[in-house]
Every structure is written in structure tokens, then in C-alpha cells.
Amino acid sequence: MTHPNRSAHQWNEAYQQAEPPPWDIDRPQAAFVELASLWRGSLFDAGCGTGEHTLLAASLGLTAYGVDLSAVAIEKARAKAVERGLTAEFEAGDLLAVSLPDAAYDTVLDSGVFHSFDDADRARYVSVLTRVARPDAVLYLMCFSERQPGDWGPRRVTEAELRASFASGWAVERIDPATFEINPLPDADSVDAWLAVFRRES
């Protein structure tokens, strides 16, 4: 759930603290575990953090590739892959700038990245996902919902914003209320989220 609108240095610092950041729960999100049997082919994990979802995909036999802005998070992801005897590829880089092949992925994951972009970069980010997804590829996306109270953390996203952002080139399969699991904070141990599934149109 690394947030690209902050600098790589800031997110490296977050991963270097004695206590893990709220989003780095050292396991995949339960909502994604429930959907993992639907993942197929070549998988791209956008903003993979320390790699839990990428490694889940690898454990299921998928070709899995994760990118994150934080080099420290990527180092941790690679170490997990070695420890677990899994084969997955990880790269540190800016999702808006890193070199990615066109129409290369059958499955795309976003666990807590979409909500971090401002309006201009949100459009650029969606363009990246649209470009790298093959026809009929499926995108699984979780983001903060406007139902989440308070103003801490990333911006809240409405269902209408999700639909508008993916109106071109994608078909909406579902957008459902969901829960982000986080490491407990003083005033929260989970976050209200949206779980969206989009299919790339031919």
C-alpha cells in the first residue's frame, strides 16, 4: 500500500522503522486471498510493497512481477521470496515512469495504490494499467472508501470516482464494500474500502 505521491525516501523510511507501517501486515489482504483462485497467467502487482500478494500469486504457479517505489520494500520482498522458496520478480521504481511491456499481463493487482494519486497522476496511473493489461485481463483493486471516517491516511474514493476513472477500456464486473486489514492504530484496526474488479475490454 505504498503511496507514490510521497517520495521514495519517505517510504523507504517508513519501511525502516522498528514497527512496520500500518499497511504492511506481513500477509495478503483477506479479500485478495478469497479471489486468488481467479487469478491467471502473468500477473502484475502495482505498488507491491513487501510482496505478499506477488508471492501469493507465485505460490499458485503464476508468473508474478511486483513493482514498488520503495527500494527497501523491494529488498524485503526479495528476501521473503528466497525464504519461502518462491520465484517472483521484483523491481523498485515509479509506477508512472518504470518501463513496462505493453499488453503483457492477464491479471493486475492494486492493493492500496489508486487512492494515493492526485487527479492528474490518477489519470496517468490508469493509463499505465490500461496499457500493460492484455485484452480480457482482470484488474483487482482495493482502495480507501469515502465511508472511512476521519482525514488521516490517503484520500477517500467514491464508487463514482472508480467508475469514472475506468470508464474507457474497462468493464466493471463488481465494486463492493470491503475491509482493509491494517496493523492496529490508536483509533483503528481496519479501514473501510472498496473492492473493485474490472475487465480489460478488447
C-alpha atoms as a PDB file:
ATOM      1  CA  MET A   1       0.000   0.000   0.000  1.00  0.00           C
ATOM      2  CA  THR A   2       2.884   2.351  -0.733  1.00  0.00           C
ATOM      3  CA  HIS A   3       1.691   5.834  -1.717  1.00  0.00           C
ATOM      4  CA  PRO A   4       3.552   7.185  -4.765  1.00  0.00           C
ATOM      5  CA  ASN A   5       2.703  10.859  -4.208  1.00  0.00           C
ATOM      6  CA  ARG A   6       5.195  10.830  -1.365  1.00  0.00           C
ATOM      7  CA  SER A   7       8.885  10.490  -2.142  1.00  0.00           C
ATOM      8  CA  ALA A   8      10.756   7.213  -2.345  1.00  0.00           C
ATOM      9  CA  HIS A   9      12.900   8.442   0.548  1.00  0.00           C
ATOM     10  CA  GLN A  10       9.853   8.933   2.761  1.00  0.00           C
ATOM     11  CA  TRP A  11       8.531   5.461   2.003  1.00  0.00           C
ATOM     12  CA  ASN A  12      11.927   3.875   2.488  1.00  0.00           C
ATOM     13  CA  GLU A  13      11.960   5.464   5.942  1.00  0.00           C
ATOM     14  CA  ALA A  14       8.525   4.021   6.687  1.00  0.00           C
ATOM     15  CA  TYR A  15       9.793   0.516   5.958  1.00  0.00           C
ATOM     16  CA  GLN A  16      12.940   1.040   8.041  1.00  0.00           C
ATOM     17  CA  GLN A  17      11.147   1.816  11.316  1.00  0.00           C
ATOM     18  CA  ALA A  18      11.212  -0.676  14.199  1.00  0.00           C
ATOM     19  CA  GLU A  19       7.448  -1.094  13.896  1.00  0.00           C
ATOM     20  CA  PRO A  20       6.010  -1.884  10.462  1.00  0.00           C
ATOM     21  CA  PRO A  21       3.804   0.734   8.826  1.00  0.00           C
ATOM     22  CA  PRO A  22       0.041   0.230   9.165  1.00  0.00           C
ATOM     23  CA  TRP A  23      -0.408  -1.293   5.715  1.00  0.00           C
ATOM     24  CA  ASP A  24       2.489  -3.778   5.918  1.00  0.00           C
ATOM     25  CA  ILE A  25       0.642  -6.603   7.711  1.00  0.00           C
ATOM     26  CA  ASP A  26       3.048  -9.400   6.638  1.00  0.00           C
ATOM     27  CA  ARG A  27       0.281 -11.364   4.928  1.00  0.00           C
ATOM     28  CA  PRO A  28      -2.003 -10.875   1.944  1.00  0.00           C
ATOM     29  CA  GLN A  29      -5.246  -8.985   2.388  1.00  0.00           C
ATOM     30  CA  ALA A  30      -8.035 -11.462   3.173  1.00  0.00           C
ATOM     31  CA  ALA A  31     -10.185 -10.001   0.390  1.00  0.00           C
ATOM     32  CA  PHE A  32      -7.475 -10.826  -2.151  1.00  0.00           C
ATOM     33  CA  VAL A  33      -6.921 -14.319  -0.733  1.00  0.00           C
ATOM     34  CA  GLU A  34     -10.593 -15.029  -1.417  1.00  0.00           C
ATOM     35  CA  LEU A  35     -10.137 -14.002  -5.054  1.00  0.00           C
ATOM     36  CA  ALA A  36      -6.735 -15.573  -5.692  1.00  0.00           C
ATOM     37  CA  SER A  37      -8.162 -18.741  -7.261  1.00  0.00           C
ATOM     38  CA  LEU A  38      -9.427 -16.493 -10.095  1.00  0.00           C
ATOM     39  CA  TRP A  39      -6.013 -15.047 -10.893  1.00  0.00           C
ATOM     40  CA  ARG A  40      -4.441 -16.408 -14.044  1.00  0.00           C
ATOM     41  CA  GLY A  41      -1.478 -16.196 -16.360  1.00  0.00           C
ATOM     42  CA  SER A  42       1.050 -13.411 -15.981  1.00  0.00           C
ATOM     43  CA  LEU A  43       0.371 -11.149 -13.002  1.00  0.00           C
ATOM     44  CA  PHE A  44       1.465  -7.568 -12.337  1.00  0.00           C
ATOM     45  CA  ASP A  45       1.307  -6.288  -8.754  1.00  0.00           C
ATOM     46  CA  ALA A  46       1.299  -2.476  -8.903  1.00  0.00           C
ATOM     47  CA  GLY A  47       2.729  -0.995  -5.709  1.00  0.00           C
ATOM     48  CA  CYS A  48       3.574  -4.415  -4.288  1.00  0.00           C
ATOM     49  CA  GLY A  49       5.126  -3.246  -1.009  1.00  0.00           C
ATOM     50  CA  THR A  50       6.944  -6.148   0.645  1.00  0.00           C
ATOM     51  CA  GLY A  51       5.454  -8.554  -1.843  1.00  0.00           C
ATOM     52  CA  GLU A  52       2.747 -10.529  -0.077  1.00  0.00           C
ATOM     53  CA  HIS A  53       0.307 -10.542  -2.998  1.00  0.00           C
ATOM     54  CA  THR A  54       3.022 -11.124  -5.588  1.00  0.00           C
ATOM     55  CA  LEU A  55       4.255 -14.087  -3.584  1.00  0.00           C
ATOM     56  CA  LEU A  56       0.738 -15.424  -3.136  1.00  0.00           C
ATOM     57  CA  ALA A  57       0.431 -15.414  -6.924  1.00  0.00           C
ATOM     58  CA  ALA A  58       3.803 -17.141  -7.272  1.00  0.00           C
ATOM     59  CA  SER A  59       2.718 -19.820  -4.792  1.00  0.00           C
ATOM     60  CA  LEU A  60      -0.236 -20.543  -7.095  1.00  0.00           C
ATOM     61  CA  GLY A  61       2.066 -21.079 -10.054  1.00  0.00           C
ATOM     62  CA  LEU A  62       1.550 -17.726 -11.759  1.00  0.00           C
ATOM     63  CA  THR A  63       4.323 -15.684 -13.325  1.00  0.00           C
ATOM     64  CA  ALA A  64       4.386 -12.774 -10.879  1.00  0.00           C
ATOM     65  CA  TYR A  65       6.028  -9.361 -11.150  1.00  0.00           C
ATOM     66  CA  GLY A  66       5.821  -6.654  -8.476  1.00  0.00           C
ATOM     67  CA  VAL A  67       6.900  -3.009  -8.651  1.00  0.00           C
ATOM     68  CA  ASP A  68       7.114  -0.589  -5.751  1.00  0.00           C
ATOM     69  CA  LEU A  69       8.510   2.903  -5.259  1.00  0.00           C
ATOM     70  CA  SER A  70      10.393   1.830  -2.133  1.00  0.00           C
ATOM     71  CA  ALA A  71      13.674   0.007  -2.703  1.00  0.00           C
ATOM     72  CA  VAL A  72      13.602  -1.057   0.959  1.00  0.00           C
ATOM     73  CA  ALA A  73      10.215  -2.727   0.467  1.00  0.00           C
ATOM     74  CA  ILE A  74      11.522  -4.475  -2.636  1.00  0.00           C
ATOM     75  CA  GLU A  75      14.548  -5.784  -0.720  1.00  0.00           C
ATOM     76  CA  LYS A  76      12.165  -7.232   1.867  1.00  0.00           C
ATOM     77  CA  ALA A  77      10.018  -8.793  -0.878  1.00  0.00           C
ATOM     78  CA  ARG A  78      13.025 -10.461  -2.471  1.00  0.00           C
ATOM     79  CA  ALA A  79      14.141 -11.814   0.907  1.00  0.00           C
ATOM     80  CA  LYS A  80      10.680 -13.278   1.500  1.00  0.00           C
ATOM     81  CA  ALA A  81      10.798 -14.986  -1.897  1.00  0.00           C
ATOM     82  CA  VAL A  82      14.106 -16.643  -1.006  1.00  0.00           C
ATOM     83  CA  GLU A  83      12.879 -17.656   2.456  1.00  0.00           C
ATOM     84  CA  ARG A  84       9.722 -19.215   1.013  1.00  0.00           C
ATOM     85  CA  GLY A  85      11.379 -20.845  -1.976  1.00  0.00           C
ATOM     86  CA  LEU A  86       9.202 -18.932  -4.426  1.00  0.00           C
ATOM     87  CA  THR A  87      10.075 -17.470  -7.811  1.00  0.00           C
ATOM     88  CA  ALA A  88       8.841 -13.921  -8.386  1.00  0.00           C
ATOM     89  CA  GLU A  89      10.371 -10.843  -9.949  1.00  0.00           C
ATOM     90  CA  PHE A  90      10.507  -7.520  -8.110  1.00  0.00           C
ATOM     91  CA  GLU A  91      11.626  -4.065  -9.197  1.00  0.00           C
ATOM     92  CA  ALA A  92      11.944  -0.725  -7.410  1.00  0.00           C
ATOM     93  CA  GLY A  93      10.548   2.110  -9.477  1.00  0.00           C
ATOM     94  CA  ASP A  94       7.933   4.772 -10.031  1.00  0.00           C
ATOM     95  CA  LEU A  95       4.802   3.184 -11.487  1.00  0.00           C
ATOM     96  CA  LEU A  96       4.293   6.250 -13.681  1.00  0.00           C
ATOM     97  CA  ALA A  97       7.769   6.039 -15.173  1.00  0.00           C
ATOM     98  CA  VAL A  98       9.121   2.487 -14.934  1.00  0.00           C
ATOM     99  CA  SER A  99       9.461   0.623 -18.235  1.00  0.00           C
ATOM    100  CA  LEU A 100       6.675  -1.930 -18.573  1.00  0.00           C
ATOM    101  CA  PRO A 101       5.765  -4.030 -21.613  1.00  0.00           C
ATOM    102  CA  ASP A 102       2.530  -3.370 -23.480  1.00  0.00           C
ATOM    103  CA  ALA A 103      -0.352  -5.850 -23.200  1.00  0.00           C
ATOM    104  CA  ALA A 104       1.756  -8.239 -21.107  1.00  0.00           C
ATOM    105  CA  TYR A 105      -0.402  -9.170 -18.122  1.00  0.00           C
ATOM    106  CA  ASP A 106      -3.513 -11.291 -17.657  1.00  0.00           C
ATOM    107  CA  THR A 107      -4.044 -10.218 -14.037  1.00  0.00           C
ATOM    108  CA  VAL A 108      -3.305  -6.850 -12.424  1.00  0.00           C
ATOM    109  CA  LEU A 109      -3.410  -6.130  -8.688  1.00  0.00           C
ATOM    110  CA  ASP A 110      -3.668  -2.827  -6.842  1.00  0.00           C
ATOM    111  CA  SER A 111      -3.820  -3.064  -3.066  1.00  0.00           C
ATOM    112  CA  GLY A 112      -3.905   0.497  -1.777  1.00  0.00           C
ATOM    113  CA  VAL A 113      -2.216   2.443  -4.575  1.00  0.00           C
ATOM    114  CA  PHE A 114      -5.021   4.026  -6.615  1.00  0.00           C
ATOM    115  CA  HIS A 115      -6.213   6.144  -3.684  1.00  0.00           C
ATOM    116  CA  SER A 116      -2.798   7.742  -3.253  1.00  0.00           C
ATOM    117  CA  PHE A 117      -2.680   9.664  -6.519  1.00  0.00           C
ATOM    118  CA  ASP A 118      -3.909  13.200  -7.105  1.00  0.00           C
ATOM    119  CA  ASP A 119      -6.292  13.722 -10.018  1.00  0.00           C
ATOM    120  CA  ALA A 120      -3.626  14.267 -12.680  1.00  0.00           C
ATOM    121  CA  ASP A 121      -1.462  11.321 -11.664  1.00  0.00           C
ATOM    122  CA  ARG A 122      -4.540   9.138 -11.165  1.00  0.00           C
ATOM    123  CA  ALA A 123      -5.292   9.500 -14.869  1.00  0.00           C
ATOM    124  CA  ARG A 124      -1.678   8.712 -15.757  1.00  0.00           C
ATOM    125  CA  TYR A 125      -1.751   5.658 -13.484  1.00  0.00           C
ATOM    126  CA  VAL A 126      -4.945   4.302 -15.038  1.00  0.00           C
ATOM    127  CA  SER A 127      -3.337   4.809 -18.444  1.00  0.00           C
ATOM    128  CA  VAL A 128      -0.370   2.674 -17.362  1.00  0.00           C
ATOM    129  CA  LEU A 129      -2.646  -0.132 -16.167  1.00  0.00           C
ATOM    130  CA  THR A 130      -4.670   0.066 -19.364  1.00  0.00           C
ATOM    131  CA  ARG A 131      -1.538  -0.168 -21.481  1.00  0.00           C
ATOM    132  CA  VAL A 132       0.031  -3.163 -19.706  1.00  0.00           C
ATOM    133  CA  ALA A 133      -3.154  -5.246 -19.452  1.00  0.00           C
ATOM    134  CA  ARG A 134      -3.955  -7.729 -22.191  1.00  0.00           C
ATOM    135  CA  PRO A 135      -7.427  -7.815 -23.721  1.00  0.00           C
ATOM    136  CA  ASP A 136      -9.714  -9.645 -21.272  1.00  0.00           C
ATOM    137  CA  ALA A 137      -7.219  -9.128 -18.402  1.00  0.00           C
ATOM    138  CA  VAL A 138      -8.748  -8.585 -14.974  1.00  0.00           C
ATOM    139  CA  LEU A 139      -7.787  -5.845 -12.516  1.00  0.00           C
ATOM    140  CA  TYR A 140      -8.421  -6.387  -8.802  1.00  0.00           C
ATOM    141  CA  LEU A 141      -8.255  -3.094  -6.907  1.00  0.00           C
ATOM    142  CA  MET A 142      -8.730  -2.147  -3.253  1.00  0.00           C
ATOM    143  CA  CYS A 143      -8.780   1.471  -2.105  1.00  0.00           C
ATOM    144  CA  PHE A 144      -9.949   3.649   0.791  1.00  0.00           C
ATOM    145  CA  SER A 145     -13.676   4.344   0.692  1.00  0.00           C
ATOM    146  CA  GLU A 146     -15.408   7.619   1.497  1.00  0.00           C
ATOM    147  CA  ARG A 147     -17.203   5.613   4.210  1.00  0.00           C
ATOM    148  CA  GLN A 148     -13.987   5.603   6.246  1.00  0.00           C
ATOM    149  CA  PRO A 149     -14.278   8.349   8.888  1.00  0.00           C
ATOM    150  CA  GLY A 150     -11.524  10.819   9.707  1.00  0.00           C
ATOM    151  CA  ASP A 151      -8.994  12.513   7.480  1.00  0.00           C
ATOM    152  CA  TRP A 152      -5.817  10.570   8.320  1.00  0.00           C
ATOM    153  CA  GLY A 153      -4.134   8.481   5.656  1.00  0.00           C
ATOM    154  CA  PRO A 154      -4.797   8.719   1.926  1.00  0.00           C
ATOM    155  CA  ARG A 155      -7.718  10.385   0.209  1.00  0.00           C
ATOM    156  CA  ARG A 156     -11.089   8.690   0.227  1.00  0.00           C
ATOM    157  CA  VAL A 157     -12.537   7.409  -3.040  1.00  0.00           C
ATOM    158  CA  THR A 158     -16.175   7.167  -4.081  1.00  0.00           C
ATOM    159  CA  GLU A 159     -17.698   4.430  -6.207  1.00  0.00           C
ATOM    160  CA  ALA A 160     -18.488   7.075  -8.808  1.00  0.00           C
ATOM    161  CA  GLU A 161     -14.806   8.064  -8.992  1.00  0.00           C
ATOM    162  CA  LEU A 162     -13.811   4.454  -9.567  1.00  0.00           C
ATOM    163  CA  ARG A 163     -16.344   4.034 -12.340  1.00  0.00           C
ATOM    164  CA  ALA A 164     -15.308   7.287 -13.991  1.00  0.00           C
ATOM    165  CA  SER A 165     -11.604   6.508 -13.806  1.00  0.00           C
ATOM    166  CA  PHE A 166     -12.002   3.166 -15.572  1.00  0.00           C
ATOM    167  CA  ALA A 167     -14.789   4.182 -17.947  1.00  0.00           C
ATOM    168  CA  SER A 168     -12.563   3.882 -21.008  1.00  0.00           C
ATOM    169  CA  GLY A 169     -11.186   0.470 -21.920  1.00  0.00           C
ATOM    170  CA  TRP A 170     -12.550  -1.397 -18.911  1.00  0.00           C
ATOM    171  CA  ALA A 171     -15.815  -3.097 -17.994  1.00  0.00           C
ATOM    172  CA  VAL A 172     -16.939  -3.040 -14.365  1.00  0.00           C
ATOM    173  CA  GLU A 173     -17.513  -6.538 -13.008  1.00  0.00           C
ATOM    174  CA  ARG A 174     -18.078  -5.520  -9.385  1.00  0.00           C
ATOM    175  CA  ILE A 175     -17.473  -2.732  -6.889  1.00  0.00           C
ATOM    176  CA  ASP A 176     -18.265  -3.870  -3.355  1.00  0.00           C
ATOM    177  CA  PRO A 177     -17.662  -2.567   0.162  1.00  0.00           C
ATOM    178  CA  ALA A 178     -14.637  -4.262   1.691  1.00  0.00           C
ATOM    179  CA  THR A 179     -12.197  -4.001   4.576  1.00  0.00           C
ATOM    180  CA  PHE A 180      -8.507  -3.216   4.527  1.00  0.00           C
ATOM    181  CA  GLU A 181      -6.691  -5.049   7.293  1.00  0.00           C
ATOM    182  CA  ILE A 182      -4.007  -2.892   8.916  1.00  0.00           C
ATOM    183  CA  ASN A 183      -1.632  -3.076  11.836  1.00  0.00           C
ATOM    184  CA  PRO A 184      -3.654  -1.542  14.690  1.00  0.00           C
ATOM    185  CA  LEU A 185      -3.546   2.221  15.125  1.00  0.00           C
ATOM    186  CA  PRO A 186      -4.760   4.080  18.233  1.00  0.00           C
ATOM    187  CA  ASP A 187      -8.146   4.729  16.615  1.00  0.00           C
ATOM    188  CA  ALA A 188      -8.467   1.931  14.038  1.00  0.00           C
ATOM    189  CA  ASP A 189      -7.575  -1.677  13.338  1.00  0.00           C
ATOM    190  CA  SER A 190      -9.179  -1.830   9.894  1.00  0.00           C
ATOM    191  CA  VAL A 191     -10.262   0.554   7.157  1.00  0.00           C
ATOM    192  CA  ASP A 192     -13.438   0.821   5.094  1.00  0.00           C
ATOM    193  CA  ALA A 193     -12.539   0.153   1.483  1.00  0.00           C
ATOM    194  CA  TRP A 194     -13.859  -0.570  -1.965  1.00  0.00           C
ATOM    195  CA  LEU A 195     -13.020  -3.810  -3.719  1.00  0.00           C
ATOM    196  CA  ALA A 196     -13.329  -3.305  -7.462  1.00  0.00           C
ATOM    197  CA  VAL A 197     -12.946  -5.823 -10.269  1.00  0.00           C
ATOM    198  CA  PHE A 198     -12.538  -4.512 -13.807  1.00  0.00           C
ATOM    199  CA  ARG A 199     -12.090  -6.456 -17.045  1.00  0.00           C
ATOM    200  CA  ARG A 200      -9.988  -5.050 -19.880  1.00  0.00           C
ATOM    201  CA  GLU A 201     -12.049  -4.684 -22.995  1.00  0.00           C
ATOM    202  CA  SER A 202     -10.757  -5.927 -26.325  1.00  0.00           C
END
